[in-house]
């Protein structure tokens, strides 16, 4: 029988209503709170990063393949290029690629009888995976594509529709500015749908419609596009797939991931990892300090027991293990309920979304929580290992207790 473990269990689970019992409960509650907060914080950060990055990927794809244009930004229109079968074969034969679509963007002006608004018109083809954008569609539907000619429908953001005072099925005129100084070319379109991503950079400027409309009104050839938009099977593999495509492309062609094209948001998202590290450090310190305080009080409260054990021949190491075991039991009693409470909190938030956010500031309307198994494993391991290592310090008091004085201790 392990004497230290036996005594630790008897002390930890005794039913006496002592001050030490109250301290144990307080330390356990503090550990539960610390573990819950750490797991919840990691789940929130993961959910925050995942949700916003998926919004961007859904809207712009994971990788773009185009002619190389130095200094070009995501919001700038493309120089038209001809479709290239060699490039398409390279993309489609690259492992990890799910789909590839042609696209083009062109600056345009939308006009109603009352006002005008500038937009970046994104033209896509009928095989574009609109299902990826369904979560953004607030009213109406995506544009329908006829077999010949081009679609006369356009999808506007809620912001643009509000600025122009437009509803679904309302008419609007679109003007494409010609670069050769010619008069702008206009067409009357119908608003088929209204979307909202919650990302101001997109909602203020982007409208979605038919690629053939750009080709027709800007004198592009039928085989001219702005580039290829690629979706991969796993967004974790974006960099690997991007490198594989880039190394096989012909001269003058280049591929770039959306993180590289539009790094501001992704750099901001990556900064959240620093916040998580700080939260983990702070909450671990809170848990450790509570356990140290608890164990010091328990050691002092059990001074007479320590004296008796020493008088009966127990070694200092054996008595120290009693309190280390007790500290371990308290830690486990905090870790397990903490995991369950964090899991419950994540489920409640994902189900009911009771923690709300200002979408114009955070790009999402509610806190998204995405717990993963390694969140629990990491928090549990850090909490238990750090606490057990630090709890050696208060047990050193045992070595300074003299049996004669301890037995007479009141």
Protein backbone atom coordinates (compact mmCIF):
# COMPACT_ATOMS: atom_id res chain seq x y z
CA UNK A 1 0.00 0.00 0.00
CA UNK A 2 1.22 3.52 -0.81
CA UNK A 3 1.05 5.16 2.62
CA UNK A 4 1.38 8.72 1.29
CA UNK A 5 -1.44 8.27 -1.23
CA UNK A 6 -3.67 6.62 1.40
CA UNK A 7 -3.24 9.46 3.90
CA UNK A 8 -3.70 12.08 1.14
CA UNK A 9 -7.03 10.53 0.10
CA UNK A 10 -8.27 10.39 3.71
CA UNK A 11 -7.38 14.05 4.24
CA UNK A 12 -8.75 15.26 0.91
CA UNK A 13 -12.09 13.46 1.15
CA UNK A 14 -12.69 13.68 4.87
CA UNK A 15 -16.05 15.09 5.90
CA UNK A 16 -14.78 17.34 8.68
CA UNK A 17 -15.90 20.96 8.53
CA UNK A 18 -12.51 22.50 9.11
CA UNK A 19 -10.97 25.66 7.69
CA UNK A 20 -8.71 23.45 5.60
CA UNK A 21 -11.75 21.86 4.00
CA UNK A 22 -13.01 25.29 3.02
CA UNK A 23 -9.61 26.15 1.55
CA UNK A 24 -9.60 22.93 -0.49
CA UNK A 25 -12.98 23.79 -1.97
CA UNK A 26 -11.85 27.33 -2.70
CA UNK A 27 -8.67 26.10 -4.45
CA UNK A 28 -10.68 23.55 -6.43
CA UNK A 29 -13.15 26.22 -7.54
CA UNK A 30 -10.28 28.51 -8.59
CA UNK A 31 -8.71 25.69 -10.60
CA UNK A 32 -12.04 24.92 -12.29
CA UNK A 33 -12.41 28.58 -13.20
CA UNK A 34 -8.84 28.83 -14.52
CA UNK A 35 -9.13 25.70 -16.66
CA UNK A 36 -12.53 26.77 -18.02
CA UNK A 37 -11.27 30.24 -18.93
CA UNK A 38 -8.13 28.90 -20.62
CA UNK A 39 -10.01 26.37 -22.76
CA UNK A 40 -12.78 28.85 -23.59
CA UNK A 41 -10.22 31.51 -24.55
CA UNK A 42 -8.45 29.10 -26.91
CA UNK A 43 -11.77 27.97 -28.42
CA UNK A 44 -12.86 31.59 -28.92
CA UNK A 45 -9.59 32.55 -30.59
CA UNK A 46 -9.67 29.48 -32.84
CA UNK A 47 -13.31 30.15 -33.72
CA UNK A 48 -12.60 33.83 -34.35
CA UNK A 49 -9.66 33.09 -36.65
CA UNK A 50 -11.43 30.26 -38.44
CA UNK A 51 -14.72 32.09 -39.05
CA UNK A 52 -13.16 35.27 -40.41
CA UNK A 53 -10.59 33.47 -42.55
CA UNK A 54 -13.34 31.26 -44.01
CA UNK A 55 -15.32 34.38 -44.89
CA UNK A 56 -12.36 35.69 -46.84
CA UNK A 57 -11.62 32.34 -48.49
CA UNK A 58 -15.26 31.85 -49.47
CA UNK A 59 -15.38 35.28 -51.04
CA UNK A 60 -12.02 35.32 -52.84
CA UNK A 61 -10.87 31.69 -52.98
CA UNK A 62 -7.66 30.33 -51.46
CA UNK A 63 -5.18 31.00 -54.29
CA UNK A 64 -5.15 33.26 -57.36
CA UNK A 65 -3.25 32.50 -60.56
CA UNK A 66 -2.68 35.50 -62.86
CA UNK A 67 -0.09 37.31 -64.88
CA UNK A 68 2.50 38.89 -62.62
CA UNK A 69 1.68 42.52 -61.82
CA UNK A 70 4.02 44.13 -59.29
CA UNK A 71 2.34 45.97 -56.44
CA UNK A 72 -1.18 44.95 -57.43
CA UNK A 73 -3.68 44.91 -54.56
CA UNK A 74 -6.75 42.69 -54.14
CA UNK A 75 -9.14 45.58 -54.71
CA UNK A 76 -7.53 46.57 -58.05
CA UNK A 77 -8.94 45.42 -61.37
CA UNK A 78 -6.95 43.04 -63.55
CA UNK A 79 -5.40 43.46 -66.95
CA UNK A 80 -7.22 40.99 -69.22
CA UNK A 81 -5.33 37.83 -70.09
CA UNK A 82 -6.16 34.91 -72.38
CA UNK A 83 -7.22 31.57 -70.98
CA UNK A 84 -4.31 29.15 -70.95
CA UNK A 85 -4.82 25.39 -71.19
CA UNK A 86 -1.31 24.71 -69.92
CA UNK A 87 -1.97 26.76 -66.78
CA UNK A 88 -5.33 25.05 -66.26
CA UNK A 89 -3.71 21.61 -66.54
CA UNK A 90 -1.05 22.61 -64.02
CA UNK A 91 -3.69 23.78 -61.54
CA UNK A 92 -6.03 20.81 -61.95
CA UNK A 93 -3.23 18.26 -61.72
CA UNK A 94 -1.86 19.71 -58.50
CA UNK A 95 -2.77 17.55 -55.45
CA UNK A 96 -5.06 19.33 -52.99
CA UNK A 97 -6.92 21.48 -55.53
CA UNK A 98 -10.71 21.18 -55.21
CA UNK A 99 -11.91 23.56 -57.93
CA UNK A 100 -10.72 26.30 -60.26
CA UNK A 101 -12.83 29.10 -61.74
CA UNK A 102 -12.22 31.97 -64.11
CA UNK A 103 -12.96 35.47 -62.84
CA UNK A 104 -12.34 39.14 -63.56
CA UNK A 105 -12.85 42.39 -61.68
CA UNK A 106 -13.57 45.83 -63.12
CA UNK A 107 -14.22 49.20 -61.54
CA UNK A 108 -17.72 50.43 -62.28
CA UNK A 109 -20.31 52.99 -61.24
CA UNK A 110 -23.85 52.09 -60.20
CA UNK A 111 -26.51 54.72 -60.79
CA UNK A 112 -30.13 55.15 -59.81
CA UNK A 113 -32.41 58.10 -60.37
CA UNK A 114 -31.27 59.57 -57.05
CA UNK A 115 -27.59 58.77 -56.52
CA UNK A 116 -24.47 56.94 -57.72
CA UNK A 117 -22.03 54.58 -56.03
CA UNK A 118 -18.63 53.23 -57.09
CA UNK A 119 -18.06 49.45 -56.90
CA UNK A 120 -15.56 46.79 -57.86
CA UNK A 121 -17.60 44.49 -60.09
CA UNK A 122 -16.49 40.86 -59.72
CA UNK A 123 -17.47 38.79 -62.74
CA UNK A 124 -17.69 35.02 -62.38
CA UNK A 125 -18.99 32.18 -64.55
CA UNK A 126 -22.08 30.03 -64.00
CA UNK A 127 -20.01 27.14 -62.58
CA UNK A 128 -18.77 29.36 -59.76
CA UNK A 129 -19.37 27.61 -56.36
CA UNK A 130 -22.03 30.01 -55.09
CA UNK A 131 -22.90 27.52 -52.35
CA UNK A 132 -19.80 28.74 -50.51
CA UNK A 133 -21.36 32.19 -50.30
CA UNK A 134 -24.84 31.15 -49.22
CA UNK A 135 -24.22 32.17 -45.61
CA UNK A 136 -23.69 35.75 -46.82
CA UNK A 137 -26.88 35.98 -48.91
CA UNK A 138 -29.43 37.98 -46.92
CA UNK A 139 -32.13 38.53 -49.54
CA UNK A 140 -33.01 37.23 -53.00
CA UNK A 141 -30.75 34.82 -54.89
CA UNK A 142 -27.53 34.68 -56.88
CA UNK A 143 -27.58 35.80 -60.50
CA UNK A 144 -28.96 33.36 -63.07
CA UNK A 145 -26.86 32.73 -66.18
CA UNK A 146 -28.45 32.31 -69.63
CA UNK A 147 -26.98 29.85 -72.13
CA UNK A 148 -26.11 32.69 -74.52
CA UNK A 149 -25.33 36.36 -74.07
CA UNK A 150 -24.79 37.49 -70.49
CA UNK A 151 -26.79 37.80 -67.30
CA UNK A 152 -28.52 41.11 -66.65
CA UNK A 153 -28.59 40.46 -62.91
CA UNK A 154 -26.30 41.73 -60.18
CA UNK A 155 -25.83 40.95 -56.49
CA UNK A 156 -25.08 43.94 -54.27
CA UNK A 157 -23.87 44.22 -50.70
CA UNK A 158 -26.33 45.40 -48.06
CA UNK A 159 -24.22 48.56 -47.69
CA UNK A 160 -24.32 49.42 -51.41
CA UNK A 161 -28.02 48.59 -51.67
CA UNK A 162 -28.68 50.87 -48.72
CA UNK A 163 -26.65 53.70 -50.21
CA UNK A 164 -28.58 53.41 -53.48
CA UNK A 165 -31.91 52.72 -51.76
CA UNK A 166 -32.34 49.50 -53.72
CA UNK A 167 -34.29 46.32 -52.97
CA UNK A 168 -34.31 42.92 -54.63
CA UNK A 169 -35.74 43.08 -58.20
CA UNK A 170 -35.08 46.84 -58.45
CA UNK A 171 -33.34 48.12 -61.63
CA UNK A 172 -29.94 49.79 -61.53
CA UNK A 173 -27.63 51.12 -64.26
CA UNK A 174 -23.99 50.04 -64.34
CA UNK A 175 -21.31 52.14 -66.09
CA UNK A 176 -17.87 50.80 -66.98
CA UNK A 177 -15.26 53.54 -67.42
CA UNK A 178 -13.24 53.03 -70.60
CA UNK A 179 -9.50 53.48 -70.34
CA UNK A 180 -9.08 54.93 -73.85
CA UNK A 181 -11.07 58.06 -73.05
CA UNK A 182 -14.21 56.76 -74.74
CA UNK A 183 -17.63 57.37 -73.25
CA UNK A 184 -18.61 55.02 -70.41
CA UNK A 185 -20.66 52.01 -71.47
CA UNK A 186 -23.84 51.38 -69.53
CA UNK A 187 -26.32 48.55 -69.07
CA UNK A 188 -29.51 48.28 -67.10
CA UNK A 189 -29.30 45.43 -64.58
CA UNK A 190 -31.68 43.93 -62.03
CA UNK A 191 -30.74 43.40 -58.38
CA UNK A 192 -31.23 39.65 -57.86
CA UNK A 193 -29.80 39.42 -54.39
CA UNK A 194 -28.24 41.26 -51.45
CA UNK A 195 -25.31 39.91 -49.44
CA UNK A 196 -23.43 40.88 -46.30
CA UNK A 197 -20.09 39.44 -45.18
CA UNK A 198 -19.58 41.73 -42.21
CA UNK A 199 -16.14 42.67 -43.58
CA UNK A 200 -16.25 46.36 -44.40
CA UNK A 201 -13.54 46.17 -47.08
CA UNK A 202 -15.78 43.90 -49.16
CA UNK A 203 -19.25 45.11 -48.27
CA UNK A 204 -18.49 48.70 -49.26
CA UNK A 205 -17.04 48.03 -52.69
CA UNK A 206 -17.77 44.61 -54.21
CA UNK A 207 -20.69 43.66 -56.46
CA UNK A 208 -21.02 40.24 -58.10
CA UNK A 209 -22.27 39.42 -61.57
CA UNK A 210 -21.53 37.76 -64.89
CA UNK A 211 -17.98 37.64 -66.24
CA UNK A 212 -19.41 37.91 -69.78
CA UNK A 213 -20.81 41.35 -68.93
CA UNK A 214 -17.27 42.59 -68.27
CA UNK A 215 -16.06 41.00 -71.50
CA UNK A 216 -18.89 42.54 -73.56
CA UNK A 217 -18.83 46.09 -72.20
CA UNK A 218 -15.04 46.41 -72.08
CA UNK A 219 -14.23 44.97 -75.52
CA UNK A 220 -12.58 41.86 -74.12
CA UNK A 221 -12.41 38.74 -76.23
CA UNK A 222 -14.54 35.75 -75.21
CA UNK A 223 -11.44 33.92 -74.00
CA UNK A 224 -10.08 36.83 -71.94
CA UNK A 225 -10.33 36.75 -68.15
CA UNK A 226 -8.72 38.38 -65.14
CA UNK A 227 -7.27 35.17 -63.73
CA UNK A 228 -8.07 31.86 -62.05
CA UNK A 229 -9.52 31.52 -58.56
CA UNK A 230 -8.61 28.28 -56.79
CA UNK A 231 -10.19 26.49 -53.84
CA UNK A 232 -8.20 23.80 -52.03
CA UNK A 233 -9.47 20.78 -50.10
CA UNK A 234 -7.88 21.81 -46.79
CA UNK A 235 -7.14 25.44 -46.03
CA UNK A 236 -4.18 24.35 -43.88
CA UNK A 237 -2.46 23.27 -47.14
CA UNK A 238 -2.79 26.62 -48.91
CA UNK A 239 0.94 27.43 -48.72
CA UNK A 240 1.96 23.95 -49.89
CA UNK A 241 -0.47 23.94 -52.83
CA UNK A 242 0.50 27.50 -53.75
CA UNK A 243 4.19 26.56 -53.89
CA UNK A 244 3.44 23.46 -55.97
CA UNK A 245 1.47 25.50 -58.50
CA UNK A 246 3.93 28.38 -58.62
CA UNK A 247 6.91 26.11 -59.39
CA UNK A 248 5.15 24.62 -62.45
CA UNK A 249 3.64 27.75 -64.01
CA UNK A 250 4.87 29.11 -67.35
CA UNK A 251 6.88 32.31 -67.57
CA UNK A 252 4.95 35.54 -66.75
CA UNK A 253 2.39 33.63 -64.68
CA UNK A 254 2.33 33.68 -60.90
CA UNK A 255 0.27 32.29 -58.05
CA UNK A 256 -0.39 33.96 -54.72
CA UNK A 257 -2.40 32.91 -51.71
CA UNK A 258 -5.06 35.25 -50.39
CA UNK A 259 -3.00 35.67 -47.20
CA UNK A 260 -0.19 37.12 -49.33
CA UNK A 261 -2.50 39.31 -51.42
CA UNK A 262 -4.40 40.73 -48.47
CA UNK A 263 -2.14 40.30 -45.42
CA UNK A 264 -3.62 42.97 -43.14
CA UNK A 265 -6.54 40.93 -41.83
CA UNK A 266 -4.48 37.75 -41.53
CA UNK A 267 -1.71 39.53 -39.63
CA UNK A 268 -4.38 40.87 -37.28
CA UNK A 269 -5.81 37.38 -36.83
CA UNK A 270 -2.37 35.94 -36.08
CA UNK A 271 -1.92 38.54 -33.34
CA UNK A 272 -4.70 36.79 -31.44
CA UNK A 273 -2.26 33.94 -30.74
CA UNK A 274 -0.22 36.33 -28.60
CA UNK A 275 -3.33 37.16 -26.60
CA UNK A 276 -3.96 33.48 -25.97
CA UNK A 277 -0.42 32.97 -24.68
CA UNK A 278 -0.92 35.83 -22.23
CA UNK A 279 -4.25 34.38 -21.07
CA UNK A 280 -2.68 30.95 -20.55
CA UNK A 281 0.18 32.43 -18.54
CA UNK A 282 -2.08 34.61 -16.37
CA UNK A 283 -4.63 31.88 -15.62
CA UNK A 284 -1.89 29.32 -14.93
CA UNK A 285 -0.34 31.74 -12.45
CA UNK A 286 -3.74 32.22 -10.79
CA UNK A 287 -4.23 28.46 -10.46
CA UNK A 288 -0.69 27.94 -9.14
CA UNK A 289 -0.92 30.74 -6.57
CA UNK A 290 -4.23 29.38 -5.30
CA UNK A 291 -2.85 25.88 -4.94
CA UNK A 292 0.34 27.09 -3.24
CA UNK A 293 -1.67 29.11 -0.74
CA UNK A 294 -4.00 26.17 -0.19
CA UNK A 295 -1.15 23.73 0.40
CA UNK A 296 0.67 26.05 2.82
CA UNK A 297 -2.50 26.37 4.88
CA UNK A 298 -3.05 22.61 4.77
CA UNK A 299 0.52 21.91 5.88
CA UNK A 300 0.21 24.34 8.79
CA UNK A 301 -3.20 22.93 9.74
CA UNK A 302 -1.79 19.40 9.77
CA UNK A 303 1.26 20.30 11.86
CA UNK A 304 0.31 17.88 14.65
CA UNK A 305 -0.24 15.07 12.14
CA UNK A 306 3.19 15.77 10.63
CA UNK A 307 4.75 15.62 14.11
CA UNK A 308 3.06 12.31 14.89
CA UNK A 309 4.15 10.79 11.57
CA UNK A 310 7.74 11.90 12.17
CA UNK A 311 7.64 10.52 15.70
CA UNK A 312 6.48 7.17 14.26
CA UNK A 313 9.49 7.16 11.92
CA UNK A 314 8.05 8.57 8.72
CA UNK A 315 10.65 10.20 6.48
CA UNK A 316 10.35 13.82 5.32
CA UNK A 317 10.01 12.64 1.71
CA UNK A 318 7.09 10.38 2.61
CA UNK A 319 5.25 13.21 4.39
CA UNK A 320 5.98 15.59 1.52
CA UNK A 321 4.38 13.10 -0.87
CA UNK A 322 1.22 13.19 1.25
CA UNK A 323 0.73 16.86 0.45
CA UNK A 324 1.88 16.48 -3.16
CA UNK A 325 -0.72 13.75 -3.63
CA UNK A 326 -3.28 16.01 -2.00
CA UNK A 327 -2.30 18.87 -4.31
CA UNK A 328 -2.59 16.50 -7.27
CA UNK A 329 -6.07 15.42 -6.20
CA UNK A 330 -7.14 19.05 -5.85
CA UNK A 331 -5.71 19.83 -9.30
CA UNK A 332 -7.52 16.89 -10.90
CA UNK A 333 -10.71 17.81 -9.06
CA UNK A 334 -10.42 21.21 -10.77
CA UNK A 335 -9.30 20.01 -14.21
CA UNK A 336 -12.07 17.49 -14.89
CA UNK A 337 -15.05 19.74 -14.01
CA UNK A 338 -13.23 22.62 -15.75
CA UNK A 339 -13.13 20.61 -18.98
CA UNK A 340 -16.81 19.74 -18.72
CA UNK A 341 -17.78 23.33 -17.92
CA UNK A 342 -15.73 24.65 -20.87
CA UNK A 343 -17.32 22.10 -23.19
CA UNK A 344 -20.79 23.09 -21.98
CA UNK A 345 -20.01 26.79 -22.45
CA UNK A 346 -18.81 26.18 -26.02
CA UNK A 347 -21.94 24.16 -26.85
CA UNK A 348 -24.29 26.78 -25.39
CA UNK A 349 -22.57 29.60 -27.28
CA UNK A 350 -22.60 27.75 -30.60
CA UNK A 351 -26.22 26.71 -30.10
CA UNK A 352 -27.71 29.95 -28.80
CA UNK A 353 -25.07 32.64 -29.50
CA UNK A 354 -25.83 34.59 -26.32
CA UNK A 355 -22.48 36.46 -26.42
CA UNK A 356 -22.94 39.07 -29.17
CA UNK A 357 -20.42 41.32 -30.92
CA UNK A 358 -20.55 44.47 -33.04
CA UNK A 359 -20.08 43.10 -36.54
CA UNK A 360 -18.72 46.36 -37.93
CA UNK A 361 -15.84 46.15 -35.44
CA UNK A 362 -15.13 42.41 -35.21
CA UNK A 363 -16.40 41.15 -38.61
CA UNK A 364 -18.71 38.66 -36.84
CA UNK A 365 -22.00 39.23 -35.04
CA UNK A 366 -21.47 36.71 -32.25
CA UNK A 367 -18.58 34.99 -30.49
CA UNK A 368 -17.61 31.86 -32.41
CA UNK A 369 -16.12 29.01 -30.37
CA UNK A 370 -14.28 26.15 -32.04
CA UNK A 371 -12.90 23.80 -29.36
CA UNK A 372 -10.44 21.14 -30.44
CA UNK A 373 -9.17 18.12 -28.51
CA UNK A 374 -5.67 19.52 -28.23
CA UNK A 375 -7.02 22.60 -26.43
CA UNK A 376 -8.15 20.35 -23.59
CA UNK A 377 -4.98 18.24 -23.67
CA UNK A 378 -2.69 21.28 -23.66
CA UNK A 379 -4.50 23.13 -20.86
CA UNK A 380 -4.77 19.98 -18.73
CA UNK A 381 -1.10 19.10 -19.21
CA UNK A 382 0.14 22.64 -18.51
CA UNK A 383 -2.06 23.03 -15.44
CA UNK A 384 -1.17 19.67 -13.92
CA UNK A 385 2.57 19.66 -14.66
CA UNK A 386 3.19 23.28 -13.64
CA UNK A 387 1.10 22.95 -10.48
CA UNK A 388 2.83 19.74 -9.40
CA UNK A 389 6.28 21.20 -9.99
CA UNK A 390 5.51 24.41 -8.11
CA UNK A 391 3.75 22.57 -5.25
CA UNK A 392 7.10 21.10 -4.23
CA UNK A 393 7.92 24.52 -2.71
CA UNK A 394 5.30 24.61 0.08
CA UNK A 395 5.95 20.96 0.99
CA UNK A 396 9.50 21.94 1.96
CA UNK A 397 7.93 23.37 5.16
CA UNK A 398 7.55 19.74 6.28
CA UNK A 399 11.34 19.39 6.64
CA UNK A 400 11.49 22.29 9.12
CA UNK A 401 8.82 20.93 11.46
CA UNK A 402 10.21 19.31 14.65
CA UNK A 403 8.16 16.40 16.06
CA UNK A 404 8.21 17.54 19.71
CA UNK A 405 6.98 21.06 18.96
CA UNK A 406 4.54 19.83 16.33
CA UNK A 407 2.79 17.36 18.65
CA UNK A 408 2.32 20.12 21.23
CA UNK A 409 1.03 22.50 18.49
CA UNK A 410 -2.50 23.84 19.02
